[in-house]
Each structure stands twice: as structure tokens, then as C-alpha cells.
PDB file of N, CA and C in Angstrom:
ATOM      1  N   MET A   1     149.187 102.726  58.362  1.00  0.00           N
ATOM      2  CA  MET A   1     149.421 101.355  57.929  1.00  0.00           C
ATOM      3  C   MET A   1     148.294 100.447  58.402  1.00  0.00           C
ATOM      4  N   ALA A   2     147.829 100.676  59.610  1.00  0.00           N
ATOM      5  CA  ALA A   2     146.780  99.815  60.150  1.00  0.00           C
ATOM      6  C   ALA A   2     145.493  99.943  59.345  1.00  0.00           C
ATOM      7  N   ALA A   3     145.141 101.161  58.948  1.00  0.00           N
ATOM      8  CA  ALA A   3     143.920 101.345  58.151  1.00  0.00           C
ATOM      9  C   ALA A   3     144.055 100.658  56.800  1.00  0.00           C
ATOM     10  N   GLY A   4     145.249 100.710  56.229  1.00  0.00           N
ATOM     11  CA  GLY A   4     145.478 100.044  54.948  1.00  0.00           C
ATOM     12  C   GLY A   4     145.408  98.536  55.054  1.00  0.00           C
ATOM     13  N   LEU A   5     145.854  97.988  56.176  1.00  0.00           N
ATOM     14  CA  LEU A   5     145.814  96.534  56.350  1.00  0.00           C
ATOM     15  C   LEU A   5     144.438  96.031  56.772  1.00  0.00           C
ATOM     16  N   VAL A   6     143.697  96.843  57.493  1.00  0.00           N
ATOM     17  CA  VAL A   6     142.390  96.419  57.975  1.00  0.00           C
ATOM     18  C   VAL A   6     141.324  96.532  56.888  1.00  0.00           C
ATOM     19  N   ALA A   7     141.452  97.475  55.977  1.00  0.00           N
ATOM     20  CA  ALA A   7     140.426  97.668  54.941  1.00  0.00           C
ATOM     21  C   ALA A   7     140.190  96.421  54.096  1.00  0.00           C
ATOM     22  N   PRO A   8     141.229  95.717  53.591  1.00  0.00           N
ATOM     23  CA  PRO A   8     140.949  94.482  52.852  1.00  0.00           C
ATOM     24  C   PRO A   8     140.342  93.388  53.729  1.00  0.00           C
ATOM     25  N   VAL A   9     140.734  93.344  54.994  1.00  0.00           N
ATOM     26  CA  VAL A   9     140.162  92.342  55.902  1.00  0.00           C
ATOM     27  C   VAL A   9     138.667  92.607  56.093  1.00  0.00           C
ATOM     28  N   LEU A  10     138.303  93.871  56.281  1.00  0.00           N
ATOM     29  CA  LEU A  10     136.886  94.213  56.418  1.00  0.00           C
ATOM     30  C   LEU A  10     136.116  93.926  55.131  1.00  0.00           C
ATOM     31  N   ALA A  11     136.750  94.137  53.976  1.00  0.00           N
ATOM     32  CA  ALA A  11     136.100  93.832  52.701  1.00  0.00           C
ATOM     33  C   ALA A  11     135.844  92.333  52.564  1.00  0.00           C
ATOM     34  N   VAL A  12     136.810  91.520  52.974  1.00  0.00           N
ATOM     35  CA  VAL A  12     136.619  90.066  52.920  1.00  0.00           C
ATOM     36  C   VAL A  12     135.532  89.631  53.892  1.00  0.00           C
ATOM     37  N   LEU A  13     135.531  90.199  55.090  1.00  0.00           N
ATOM     38  CA  LEU A  13     134.489  89.857  56.061  1.00  0.00           C
ATOM     39  C   LEU A  13     133.104  90.258  55.555  1.00  0.00           C
ATOM     40  N   SER A  14     132.994  91.407  54.926  1.00  0.00           N
ATOM     41  CA  SER A  14     131.686  91.815  54.406  1.00  0.00           C
ATOM     42  C   SER A  14     131.256  90.918  53.251  1.00  0.00           C
ATOM     43  N   LEU A  15     132.197  90.500  52.398  1.00  0.00           N
ATOM     44  CA  LEU A  15     131.860  89.575  51.321  1.00  0.00           C
ATOM     45  C   LEU A  15     131.396  88.230  51.871  1.00  0.00           C
ATOM     46  N   LEU A  16     132.098  87.722  52.875  1.00  0.00           N
ATOM     47  CA  LEU A  16     131.683  86.460  53.492  1.00  0.00           C
ATOM     48  C   LEU A  16     130.317  86.585  54.161  1.00  0.00           C
ATOM     49  N   TRP A  17     130.069  87.700  54.813  1.00  0.00           N
ATOM     50  CA  TRP A  17     128.792  87.916  55.468  1.00  0.00           C
ATOM     51  C   TRP A  17     127.658  87.920  54.438  1.00  0.00           C
ATOM     52  N   VAL A  18     127.867  88.593  53.316  1.00  0.00           N
ATOM     53  CA  VAL A  18     126.854  88.622  52.254  1.00  0.00           C
ATOM     54  C   VAL A  18     126.604  87.222  51.711  1.00  0.00           C
ATOM     55  N   LEU A  19     127.665  86.459  51.487  1.00  0.00           N
ATOM     56  CA  LEU A  19     127.502  85.101  50.973  1.00  0.00           C
ATOM     57  C   LEU A  19     126.759  84.206  51.965  1.00  0.00           C
ATOM     58  N   ILE A  20     127.046  84.347  53.257  1.00  0.00           N
ATOM     59  CA  ILE A  20     126.369  83.532  54.268  1.00  0.00           C
ATOM     60  C   ILE A  20     124.889  83.905  54.370  1.00  0.00           C
ATOM     61  N   VAL A  21     124.582  85.192  54.391  1.00  0.00           N
ATOM     62  CA  VAL A  21     123.181  85.610  54.476  1.00  0.00           C
ATOM     63  C   VAL A  21     122.425  85.167  53.228  1.00  0.00           C
ATOM     64  N   ASN A  22     123.048  85.318  52.068  1.00  0.00           N
ATOM     65  CA  ASN A  22     122.397  84.843  50.840  1.00  0.00           C
ATOM     66  C   ASN A  22     122.187  83.336  50.865  1.00  0.00           C
ATOM     67  N   LEU A  23     123.138  82.604  51.416  1.00  0.00           N
ATOM     68  CA  LEU A  23     122.990  81.152  51.517  1.00  0.00           C
ATOM     69  C   LEU A  23     121.825  80.776  52.416  1.00  0.00           C
ATOM     70  N   LEU A  24     121.626  81.526  53.487  1.00  0.00           N
ATOM     71  CA  LEU A  24     120.544  81.226  54.412  1.00  0.00           C
ATOM     72  C   LEU A  24     119.175  81.655  53.885  1.00  0.00           C
ATOM     73  N   VAL A  25     119.130  82.711  53.093  1.00  0.00           N
ATOM     74  CA  VAL A  25     117.855  83.269  52.669  1.00  0.00           C
ATOM     75  C   VAL A  25     117.465  82.843  51.256  1.00  0.00           C
ATOM     76  N   ALA A  26     118.382  82.927  50.311  1.00  0.00           N
ATOM     77  CA  ALA A  26     118.038  82.764  48.895  1.00  0.00           C
ATOM     78  C   ALA A  26     117.464  81.395  48.531  1.00  0.00           C
ATOM     79  N   PRO A  27     118.073  80.268  48.905  1.00  0.00           N
ATOM     80  CA  PRO A  27     117.479  78.993  48.496  1.00  0.00           C
ATOM     81  C   PRO A  27     116.050  78.796  49.015  1.00  0.00           C
ATOM     82  N   HIS A  28     115.791  79.225  50.231  1.00  0.00           N
ATOM     83  CA  HIS A  28     114.457  79.059  50.798  1.00  0.00           C
ATOM     84  C   HIS A  28     113.448  79.982  50.103  1.00  0.00           C
ATOM     85  N   GLN A  29     113.810  81.236  49.911  1.00  0.00           N
ATOM     86  CA  GLN A  29     112.884  82.210  49.336  1.00  0.00           C
ATOM     87  C   GLN A  29     112.661  81.997  47.839  1.00  0.00           C
ATOM     88  N   LEU A  30     113.702  81.581  47.121  1.00  0.00           N
ATOM     89  CA  LEU A  30     113.604  81.449  45.670  1.00  0.00           C
ATOM     90  C   LEU A  30     113.337  80.029  45.210  1.00  0.00           C
ATOM     91  N   GLY A  31     113.401  79.068  46.111  1.00  0.00           N
ATOM     92  CA  GLY A  31     113.008  77.712  45.805  1.00  0.00           C
ATOM     93  C   GLY A  31     114.002  76.889  45.011  1.00  0.00           C
ATOM     94  N   PHE A  32     115.284  77.052  45.266  1.00  0.00           N
ATOM     95  CA  PHE A  32     116.277  76.186  44.643  1.00  0.00           C
ATOM     96  C   PHE A  32     117.153  75.568  45.718  1.00  0.00           C
ATOM     97  N   THR A  33     117.973  74.601  45.328  1.00  0.00           N
ATOM     98  CA  THR A  33     118.769  73.870  46.307  1.00  0.00           C
ATOM     99  C   THR A  33     120.043  74.617  46.661  1.00  0.00           C
ATOM    100  N   VAL A  34     120.671  74.180  47.736  1.00  0.00           N
ATOM    101  CA  VAL A  34     121.934  74.777  48.172  1.00  0.00           C
ATOM    102  C   VAL A  34     123.034  74.498  47.149  1.00  0.00           C
ATOM    103  N   GLY A  35     122.992  73.328  46.510  1.00  0.00           N
ATOM    104  CA  GLY A  35     123.975  73.000  45.474  1.00  0.00           C
ATOM    105  C   GLY A  35     123.915  73.953  44.301  1.00  0.00           C
ATOM    106  N   VAL A  36     122.714  74.348  43.907  1.00  0.00           N
ATOM    107  CA  VAL A  36     122.555  75.324  42.828  1.00  0.00           C
ATOM    108  C   VAL A  36     123.139  76.664  43.258  1.00  0.00           C
ATOM    109  N   TYR A  37     122.923  77.038  44.506  1.00  0.00           N
ATOM    110  CA  TYR A  37     123.480  78.305  45.011  1.00  0.00           C
ATOM    111  C   TYR A  37     125.003  78.310  44.916  1.00  0.00           C
ATOM    112  N   PHE A  38     125.648  77.235  45.391  1.00  0.00           N
ATOM    113  CA  PHE A  38     127.109  77.183  45.347  1.00  0.00           C
ATOM    114  C   PHE A  38     127.623  77.164  43.908  1.00  0.00           C
ATOM    115  N   ALA A  39     126.917  76.477  43.023  1.00  0.00           N
ATOM    116  CA  ALA A  39     127.331  76.447  41.617  1.00  0.00           C
ATOM    117  C   ALA A  39     127.247  77.834  40.988  1.00  0.00           C
ATOM    118  N   GLU A  40     126.196  78.572  41.300  1.00  0.00           N
ATOM    119  CA  GLU A  40     126.047  79.920  40.747  1.00  0.00           C
ATOM    120  C   GLU A  40     127.067  80.897  41.340  1.00  0.00           C
ATOM    121  N   VAL A  41     127.357  80.762  42.618  1.00  0.00           N
ATOM    122  CA  VAL A  41     128.370  81.624  43.240  1.00  0.00           C
ATOM    123  C   VAL A  41     129.733  81.351  42.614  1.00  0.00           C
ATOM    124  N   GLN A  42     130.057  80.096  42.440  1.00  0.00           N
ATOM    125  CA  GLN A  42     131.349  79.739  41.839  1.00  0.00           C
ATOM    126  C   GLN A  42     131.434  80.219  40.396  1.00  0.00           C
ATOM    127  N   ARG A  43     130.327  80.156  39.676  1.00  0.00           N
ATOM    128  CA  ARG A  43     130.332  80.564  38.272  1.00  0.00           C
ATOM    129  C   ARG A  43     130.348  82.081  38.117  1.00  0.00           C
ATOM    130  N   SER A  44     129.791  82.810  39.067  1.00  0.00           N
ATOM    131  CA  SER A  44     129.666  84.254  38.921  1.00  0.00           C
ATOM    132  C   SER A  44     130.850  85.044  39.464  1.00  0.00           C
ATOM    133  N   ILE A  45     131.734  84.429  40.232  1.00  0.00           N
ATOM    134  CA  ILE A  45     132.886  85.145  40.778  1.00  0.00           C
ATOM    135  C   ILE A  45     134.003  85.134  39.748  1.00  0.00           C
ATOM    136  N   PHE A  46     134.462  86.324  39.383  1.00  0.00           N
ATOM    137  CA  PHE A  46     135.553  86.508  38.433  1.00  0.00           C
ATOM    138  C   PHE A  46     136.848  86.604  39.228  1.00  0.00           C
ATOM    139  N   ALA A  47     137.819  85.748  38.932  1.00  0.00           N
ATOM    140  CA  ALA A  47     139.031  85.626  39.760  1.00  0.00           C
ATOM    141  C   ALA A  47     139.789  86.933  39.972  1.00  0.00           C
ATOM    142  N   PRO A  48     140.035  87.765  38.939  1.00  0.00           N
ATOM    143  CA  PRO A  48     140.739  89.031  39.213  1.00  0.00           C
ATOM    144  C   PRO A  48     139.975  89.957  40.148  1.00  0.00           C
ATOM    145  N   ASP A  49     138.652  89.804  40.228  1.00  0.00           N
ATOM    146  CA  ASP A  49     137.879  90.630  41.159  1.00  0.00           C
ATOM    147  C   ASP A  49     138.302  90.388  42.599  1.00  0.00           C
ATOM    148  N   LEU A  50     138.612  89.143  42.925  1.00  0.00           N
ATOM    149  CA  LEU A  50     138.959  88.842  44.307  1.00  0.00           C
ATOM    150  C   LEU A  50     140.283  89.457  44.706  1.00  0.00           C
ATOM    151  N   PHE A  51     141.289  89.378  43.842  1.00  0.00           N
ATOM    152  CA  PHE A  51     142.584  89.919  44.225  1.00  0.00           C
ATOM    153  C   PHE A  51     142.682  91.405  43.933  1.00  0.00           C
ATOM    154  N   ILE A  52     142.456  91.785  42.690  1.00  0.00           N
ATOM    155  CA  ILE A  52     142.700  93.172  42.295  1.00  0.00           C
ATOM    156  C   ILE A  52     141.671  94.113  42.906  1.00  0.00           C
ATOM    157  N   ALA A  53     140.408  93.815  42.672  1.00  0.00           N
ATOM    158  CA  ALA A  53     139.380  94.757  43.119  1.00  0.00           C
ATOM    159  C   ALA A  53     139.156  94.698  44.626  1.00  0.00           C
ATOM    160  N   LEU A  54     139.191  93.514  45.186  1.00  0.00           N
ATOM    161  CA  LEU A  54     138.888  93.399  46.608  1.00  0.00           C
ATOM    162  C   LEU A  54     140.079  93.788  47.481  1.00  0.00           C
ATOM    163  N   PHE A  55     141.221  93.177  47.253  1.00  0.00           N
ATOM    164  CA  PHE A  55     142.364  93.414  48.130  1.00  0.00           C
ATOM    165  C   PHE A  55     143.103  94.710  47.800  1.00  0.00           C
ATOM    166  N   LEU A  56     143.519  94.856  46.558  1.00  0.00           N
ATOM    167  CA  LEU A  56     144.360  96.002  46.194  1.00  0.00           C
ATOM    168  C   LEU A  56     143.598  97.322  46.310  1.00  0.00           C
ATOM    169  N   LYS A  57     142.370  97.343  45.813  1.00  0.00           N
ATOM    170  CA  LYS A  57     141.584  98.575  45.873  1.00  0.00           C
ATOM    171  C   LYS A  57     141.330  98.994  47.321  1.00  0.00           C
ATOM    172  N   ASN A  58     140.952  98.055  48.170  1.00  0.00           N
ATOM    173  CA  ASN A  58     140.692  98.396  49.567  1.00  0.00           C
ATOM    174  C   ASN A  58     141.966  98.729  50.326  1.00  0.00           C
ATOM    175  N   LEU A  59     143.087  98.135  49.945  1.00  0.00           N
ATOM    176  CA  LEU A  59     144.363  98.504  50.546  1.00  0.00           C
ATOM    177  C   LEU A  59     144.699  99.956  50.248  1.00  0.00           C
ATOM    178  N   ILE A  60     144.533 100.363  48.996  1.00  0.00           N
ATOM    179  CA  ILE A  60     144.828 101.747  48.603  1.00  0.00           C
ATOM    180  C   ILE A  60     143.875 102.718  49.291  1.00  0.00           C
ATOM    181  N   ILE A  61     142.596 102.382  49.333  1.00  0.00           N
ATOM    182  CA  ILE A  61     141.620 103.261  49.985  1.00  0.00           C
ATOM    183  C   ILE A  61     141.909 103.368  51.484  1.00  0.00           C
ATOM    184  N   GLY A  62     142.233 102.254  52.115  1.00  0.00           N
ATOM    185  CA  GLY A  62     142.559 102.284  53.541  1.00  0.00           C
ATOM    186  C   GLY A  62     143.791 103.116  53.836  1.00  0.00           C
ATOM    187  N   MET A  63     144.811 102.990  52.991  1.00  0.00           N
ATOM    188  CA  MET A  63     146.026 103.805  53.179  1.00  0.00           C
ATOM    189  C   MET A  63     145.705 105.288  53.002  1.00  0.00           C
ATOM    190  N   PHE A  64     144.888 105.613  51.996  1.00  0.00           N
ATOM    191  CA  PHE A  64     144.523 107.008  51.756  1.00  0.00           C
ATOM    192  C   PHE A  64     143.779 107.597  52.950  1.00  0.00           C
ATOM    193  N   VAL A  65     142.787 106.884  53.452  1.00  0.00           N
ATOM    194  CA  VAL A  65     142.012 107.385  54.593  1.00  0.00           C
ATOM    195  C   VAL A  65     142.904 107.513  55.828  1.00  0.00           C
ATOM    196  N   GLY A  66     143.782 106.550  56.048  1.00  0.00           N
ATOM    197  CA  GLY A  66     144.695 106.624  57.188  1.00  0.00           C
ATOM    198  C   GLY A  66     145.643 107.807  57.110  1.00  0.00           C
ATOM    199  N   ILE A  67     146.172 108.053  55.917  1.00  0.00           N
ATOM    200  CA  ILE A  67     147.096 109.184  55.748  1.00  0.00           C
ATOM    201  C   ILE A  67     146.371 110.507  55.948  1.00  0.00           C
ATOM    202  N   VAL A  68     145.175 110.640  55.365  1.00  0.00           N
ATOM    203  CA  VAL A  68     144.412 111.878  55.535  1.00  0.00           C
ATOM    204  C   VAL A  68     144.066 112.094  57.004  1.00  0.00           C
ATOM    205  N   ALA A  69     143.610 111.040  57.686  1.00  0.00           N
ATOM    206  CA  ALA A  69     143.226 111.171  59.095  1.00  0.00           C
ATOM    207  C   ALA A  69     144.432 111.527  59.964  1.00  0.00           C
ATOM    208  N   CYS A  70     145.573 110.905  59.705  1.00  0.00           N
ATOM    209  CA  CYS A  70     146.777 111.229  60.487  1.00  0.00           C
ATOM    210  C   CYS A  70     147.225 112.658  60.244  1.00  0.00           C
ATOM    211  N   HIS A  71     147.215 113.073  58.990  1.00  0.00           N
ATOM    212  CA  HIS A  71     147.650 114.444  58.683  1.00  0.00           C
ATOM    213  C   HIS A  71     146.730 115.468  59.341  1.00  0.00           C
ATOM    214  N   LYS A  72     145.433 115.279  59.196  1.00  0.00           N
ATOM    215  CA  LYS A  72     144.500 116.240  59.793  1.00  0.00           C
ATOM    216  C   LYS A  72     144.544 116.191  61.321  1.00  0.00           C
ATOM    217  N   GLY A  73     144.742 115.010  61.883  1.00  0.00           N
ATOM    218  CA  GLY A  73     144.817 114.900  63.333  1.00  0.00           C
ATOM    219  C   GLY A  73     146.071 115.530  63.914  1.00  0.00           C
ATOM    220  N   LEU A  74     147.189 115.405  63.204  1.00  0.00           N
ATOM    221  CA  LEU A  74     148.446 115.956  63.710  1.00  0.00           C
ATOM    222  C   LEU A  74     148.580 117.453  63.474  1.00  0.00           C
ATOM    223  N   THR A  75     147.815 118.005  62.539  1.00  0.00           N
ATOM    224  CA  THR A  75     147.938 119.427  62.233  1.00  0.00           C
ATOM    225  C   THR A  75     146.727 120.239  62.681  1.00  0.00           C
ATOM    226  N   CYS A  76     145.849 119.653  63.495  1.00  0.00           N
ATOM    227  CA  CYS A  76     144.660 120.397  63.911  1.00  0.00           C
ATOM    228  C   CYS A  76     145.021 121.422  64.978  1.00  0.00           C
ATOM    229  N   LYS A  77     144.172 122.433  65.097  1.00  0.00           N
ATOM    230  CA  LYS A  77     144.371 123.461  66.110  1.00  0.00           C
ATOM    231  C   LYS A  77     143.941 122.915  67.468  1.00  0.00           C
ATOM    232  N   MET A  78     144.437 123.520  68.507  1.00  0.00           N
ATOM    233  CA  MET A  78     144.136 123.077  69.865  1.00  0.00           C
ATOM    234  C   MET A  78     142.675 123.343  70.212  1.00  0.00           C
ATOM    235  N   GLY A  79     142.147 122.528  71.092  1.00  0.00           N
ATOM    236  CA  GLY A  79     140.781 122.714  71.560  1.00  0.00           C
ATOM    237  C   GLY A  79     139.785 121.876  70.798  1.00  0.00           C
ATOM    238  N   SER A  80     138.593 121.854  71.347  1.00  0.00           N
ATOM    239  CA  SER A  80     137.553 121.031  70.738  1.00  0.00           C
ATOM    240  C   SER A  80     137.105 121.577  69.387  1.00  0.00           C
ATOM    241  N   ASP A  81     137.183 122.869  69.192  1.00  0.00           N
ATOM    242  CA  ASP A  81     136.806 123.454  67.904  1.00  0.00           C
ATOM    243  C   ASP A  81     137.769 123.002  66.804  1.00  0.00           C
ATOM    244  N   GLY A  82     139.045 123.013  67.099  1.00  0.00           N
ATOM    245  CA  GLY A  82     140.032 122.570  66.115  1.00  0.00           C
ATOM    246  C   GLY A  82     139.916 121.094  65.791  1.00  0.00           C
ATOM    247  N   VAL A  83     139.651 120.290  66.812  1.00  0.00           N
ATOM    248  CA  VAL A  83     139.491 118.851  66.592  1.00  0.00           C
ATOM    249  C   VAL A  83     138.231 118.583  65.778  1.00  0.00           C
ATOM    250  N   GLY A  84     137.147 119.282  66.094  1.00  0.00           N
ATOM    251  CA  GLY A  84     135.896 119.111  65.339  1.00  0.00           C
ATOM    252  C   GLY A  84     136.061 119.474  63.882  1.00  0.00           C
ATOM    253  N   ARG A  85     136.760 120.575  63.621  1.00  0.00           N
ATOM    254  CA  ARG A  85     137.004 120.963  62.223  1.00  0.00           C
ATOM    255  C   ARG A  85     137.888 119.951  61.515  1.00  0.00           C
ATOM    256  N   ALA A  86     138.885 119.431  62.204  1.00  0.00           N
ATOM    257  CA  ALA A  86     139.773 118.436  61.603  1.00  0.00           C
ATOM    258  C   ALA A  86     139.017 117.158  61.260  1.00  0.00           C
ATOM    259  N   VAL A  87     138.130 116.730  62.137  1.00  0.00           N
ATOM    260  CA  VAL A  87     137.328 115.531  61.869  1.00  0.00           C
ATOM    261  C   VAL A  87     136.422 115.768  60.667  1.00  0.00           C
ATOM    262  N   ASN A  88     135.754 116.923  60.630  1.00  0.00           N
ATOM    263  CA  ASN A  88     134.881 117.250  59.509  1.00  0.00           C
ATOM    264  C   ASN A  88     135.666 117.293  58.194  1.00  0.00           C
ATOM    265  N   GLN A  89     136.830 117.926  58.201  1.00  0.00           N
ATOM    266  CA  GLN A  89     137.661 117.988  57.001  1.00  0.00           C
ATOM    267  C   GLN A  89     138.134 116.601  56.583  1.00  0.00           C
ATOM    268  N   THR A  90     138.470 115.760  57.544  1.00  0.00           N
ATOM    269  CA  THR A  90     138.900 114.396  57.234  1.00  0.00           C
ATOM    270  C   THR A  90     137.785 113.626  56.543  1.00  0.00           C
ATOM    271  N   ILE A  91     136.573 113.742  57.046  1.00  0.00           N
ATOM    272  CA  ILE A  91     135.450 113.021  56.449  1.00  0.00           C
ATOM    273  C   ILE A  91     135.187 113.507  55.035  1.00  0.00           C
ATOM    274  N   VAL A  92     135.196 114.806  54.829  1.00  0.00           N
ATOM    275  CA  VAL A  92     134.924 115.350  53.489  1.00  0.00           C
ATOM    276  C   VAL A  92     136.026 114.965  52.515  1.00  0.00           C
ATOM    277  N   ILE A  93     137.281 115.119  52.905  1.00  0.00           N
ATOM    278  CA  ILE A  93     138.395 114.772  52.015  1.00  0.00           C
ATOM    279  C   ILE A  93     138.390 113.280  51.702  1.00  0.00           C
ATOM    280  N   ALA A  94     138.156 112.454  52.709  1.00  0.00           N
ATOM    281  CA  ALA A  94     138.123 111.007  52.482  1.00  0.00           C
ATOM    282  C   ALA A  94     136.973 110.628  51.561  1.00  0.00           C
ATOM    283  N   PHE A  95     135.796 111.194  51.755  1.00  0.00           N
ATOM    284  CA  PHE A  95     134.651 110.872  50.913  1.00  0.00           C
ATOM    285  C   PHE A  95     134.898 111.274  49.469  1.00  0.00           C
ATOM    286  N   VAL A  96     135.340 112.495  49.248  1.00  0.00           N
ATOM    287  CA  VAL A  96     135.584 112.967  47.885  1.00  0.00           C
ATOM    288  C   VAL A  96     136.741 112.199  47.252  1.00  0.00           C
ATOM    289  N   GLY A  97     137.775 111.931  48.016  1.00  0.00           N
ATOM    290  CA  GLY A  97     138.912 111.180  47.491  1.00  0.00           C
ATOM    291  C   GLY A  97     138.541 109.754  47.114  1.00  0.00           C
ATOM    292  N   ILE A  98     137.762 109.082  47.965  1.00  0.00           N
ATOM    293  CA  ILE A  98     137.325 107.717  47.652  1.00  0.00           C
ATOM    294  C   ILE A  98     136.401 107.726  46.450  1.00  0.00           C
ATOM    295  N   TRP A  99     135.519 108.690  46.367  1.00  0.00           N
ATOM    296  CA  TRP A  99     134.608 108.782  45.229  1.00  0.00           C
ATOM    297  C   TRP A  99     135.382 108.954  43.921  1.00  0.00           C
ATOM    298  N   GLY A 100     136.342 109.886  43.905  1.00  0.00           N
ATOM    299  CA  GLY A 100     137.153 110.103  42.702  1.00  0.00           C
ATOM    300  C   GLY A 100     138.024 108.902  42.368  1.00  0.00           C
ATOM    301  N   PHE A 101     138.651 108.328  43.380  1.00  0.00           N
ATOM    302  CA  PHE A 101     139.493 107.149  43.157  1.00  0.00           C
ATOM    303  C   PHE A 101     138.667 105.981  42.635  1.00  0.00           C
ATOM    304  N   ASN A 102     137.481 105.783  43.185  1.00  0.00           N
ATOM    305  CA  ASN A 102     136.618 104.687  42.754  1.00  0.00           C
ATOM    306  C   ASN A 102     136.207 104.855  41.296  1.00  0.00           C
ATOM    307  N   ALA A 103     135.908 106.081  40.871  1.00  0.00           N
ATOM    308  CA  ALA A 103     135.531 106.323  39.481  1.00  0.00           C
ATOM    309  C   ALA A 103     136.686 105.991  38.538  1.00  0.00           C
ATOM    310  N   VAL A 104     137.882 106.455  38.860  1.00  0.00           N
ATOM    311  CA  VAL A 104     139.051 106.183  38.014  1.00  0.00           C
ATOM    312  C   VAL A 104     139.414 104.701  38.056  1.00  0.00           C
ATOM    313  N   TRP A 105     139.358 104.101  39.244  1.00  0.00           N
ATOM    314  CA  TRP A 105     139.696 102.682  39.389  1.00  0.00           C
ATOM    315  C   TRP A 105     138.751 101.816  38.554  1.00  0.00           C
ATOM    316  N   ASN A 106     137.444 102.058  38.665  1.00  0.00           N
ATOM    317  CA  ASN A 106     136.489 101.245  37.918  1.00  0.00           C
ATOM    318  C   ASN A 106     136.667 101.401  36.419  1.00  0.00           C
ATOM    319  N   LEU A 107     136.943 102.609  35.963  1.00  0.00           N
ATOM    320  CA  LEU A 107     137.186 102.824  34.538  1.00  0.00           C
ATOM    321  C   LEU A 107     138.420 102.052  34.080  1.00  0.00           C
ATOM    322  N   ALA A 108     139.501 102.138  34.834  1.00  0.00           N
ATOM    323  CA  ALA A 108     140.736 101.435  34.469  1.00  0.00           C
ATOM    324  C   ALA A 108     140.565  99.925  34.578  1.00  0.00           C
ATOM    325  N   TYR A 109     139.892  99.470  35.624  1.00  0.00           N
ATOM    326  CA  TYR A 109     139.729  98.028  35.840  1.00  0.00           C
ATOM    327  C   TYR A 109     138.849  97.403  34.759  1.00  0.00           C
ATOM    328  N   LEU A 110     137.746  98.049  34.443  1.00  0.00           N
ATOM    329  CA  LEU A 110     136.863  97.498  33.419  1.00  0.00           C
ATOM    330  C   LEU A 110     137.458  97.619  32.022  1.00  0.00           C
ATOM    331  N   THR A 111     138.380  98.544  31.831  1.00  0.00           N
ATOM    332  CA  THR A 111     139.099  98.614  30.555  1.00  0.00           C
ATOM    333  C   THR A 111     140.105  97.479  30.468  1.00  0.00           C
ATOM    334  N   ALA A 112     140.798  97.201  31.557  1.00  0.00           N
ATOM    335  CA  ALA A 112     141.800  96.132  31.557  1.00  0.00           C
ATOM    336  C   ALA A 112     141.166  94.739  31.576  1.00  0.00           C
ATOM    337  N   PHE A 113     140.036  94.591  32.264  1.00  0.00           N
ATOM    338  CA  PHE A 113     139.337  93.310  32.374  1.00  0.00           C
ATOM    339  C   PHE A 113     137.891  93.463  31.946  1.00  0.00           C
ATOM    340  N   PRO A 114     137.621  93.512  30.647  1.00  0.00           N
ATOM    341  CA  PRO A 114     136.228  93.713  30.210  1.00  0.00           C
ATOM    342  C   PRO A 114     135.305  92.560  30.584  1.00  0.00           C
ATOM    343  N   ALA A 115     135.853  91.385  30.831  1.00  0.00           N
ATOM    344  CA  ALA A 115     135.012  90.239  31.212  1.00  0.00           C
ATOM    345  C   ALA A 115     134.408  90.441  32.604  1.00  0.00           C
ATOM    346  N   ALA A 116     134.949  91.353  33.394  1.00  0.00           N
ATOM    347  CA  ALA A 116     134.404  91.581  34.730  1.00  0.00           C
ATOM    348  C   ALA A 116     133.040  92.259  34.680  1.00  0.00           C
ATOM    349  N   SER A 117     132.735  92.966  33.602  1.00  0.00           N
ATOM    350  CA  SER A 117     131.448  93.636  33.500  1.00  0.00           C
ATOM    351  C   SER A 117     130.342  92.735  32.978  1.00  0.00           C
ATOM    352  N   VAL A 118     130.703  91.540  32.526  1.00  0.00           N
ATOM    353  CA  VAL A 118     129.709  90.610  32.012  1.00  0.00           C
ATOM    354  C   VAL A 118     129.145  89.799  33.177  1.00  0.00           C
ATOM    355  N   LEU A 119     127.836  89.707  33.242  1.00  0.00           N
ATOM    356  CA  LEU A 119     127.204  88.892  34.280  1.00  0.00           C
ATOM    357  C   LEU A 119     127.399  87.437  33.917  1.00  0.00           C
ATOM    358  N   HIS A 120     128.055  86.703  34.797  1.00  0.00           N
ATOM    359  CA  HIS A 120     128.404  85.299  34.530  1.00  0.00           C
ATOM    360  C   HIS A 120     127.314  84.362  35.023  1.00  0.00           C
ATOM    361  N   GLY A 121     126.091  84.670  34.793  1.00  0.00           N
ATOM    362  CA  GLY A 121     125.030  83.845  35.325  1.00  0.00           C
ATOM    363  C   GLY A 121     124.036  83.394  34.298  1.00  0.00           C
TER     364      GLY A 121
END
């Protein structure tokens, strides 16, 4: 449960971090005002992206990784060899599972919301 709840929080923090760094760097490097930056950010953010793609997708991915990690951790063999194999299996299963889920999610999301694939700039 904790991994599922923390994943959307980390996604929001990373989005805010990107917006802050872009705010500090982009107007100076590209030669436009801060007002233009905020106008473009507001115009380019698609509302369903914030709720559906950011929160729901990361919640599902966090729950999946948490469940896989708990299962592998609780069923590993004793000793450092068993723990090492369980960690390796957890990483591989989580990576492949997230990759497959992301492919299906993006296909379904862009089919349901075709306006999300259009650059709003």
C-alpha cells in the first residue's frame, strides 16, 4: 500500500521539480519572459493527463511493484543467496511488468483521449 501511495507523490514532486528547473533556466536561455513561460505551461498541460496519467497510472505501478516486492521477499530462500536472487527477480519482474503495462496504458489512454497526443503549443 505504501508503494502505491508514494508513487503518485513522487510523480508530482518530479513534475514540480521539472517545472521549477525549466522556469529557472528556459526564460534566460531562450530569451522570453516568465509570463510567456507560465502561459505556455498552462496552455500545454492537458487536464486528464494530471489526474488519469499522473495519479492513477503511478498508483497502479506503485501497487504492482509493492506486491511483487512483498511476494518475492516473503517467499525467498534463507541466506544471502536467496535474498540476492529474490531482489534480482523482483527487479526483472517489475521492469518487464511496468514496460508492458506502460505500453498497454499509453495505447488505451491515447485511444480514449486523442487530444493528449497533440502538442498544445
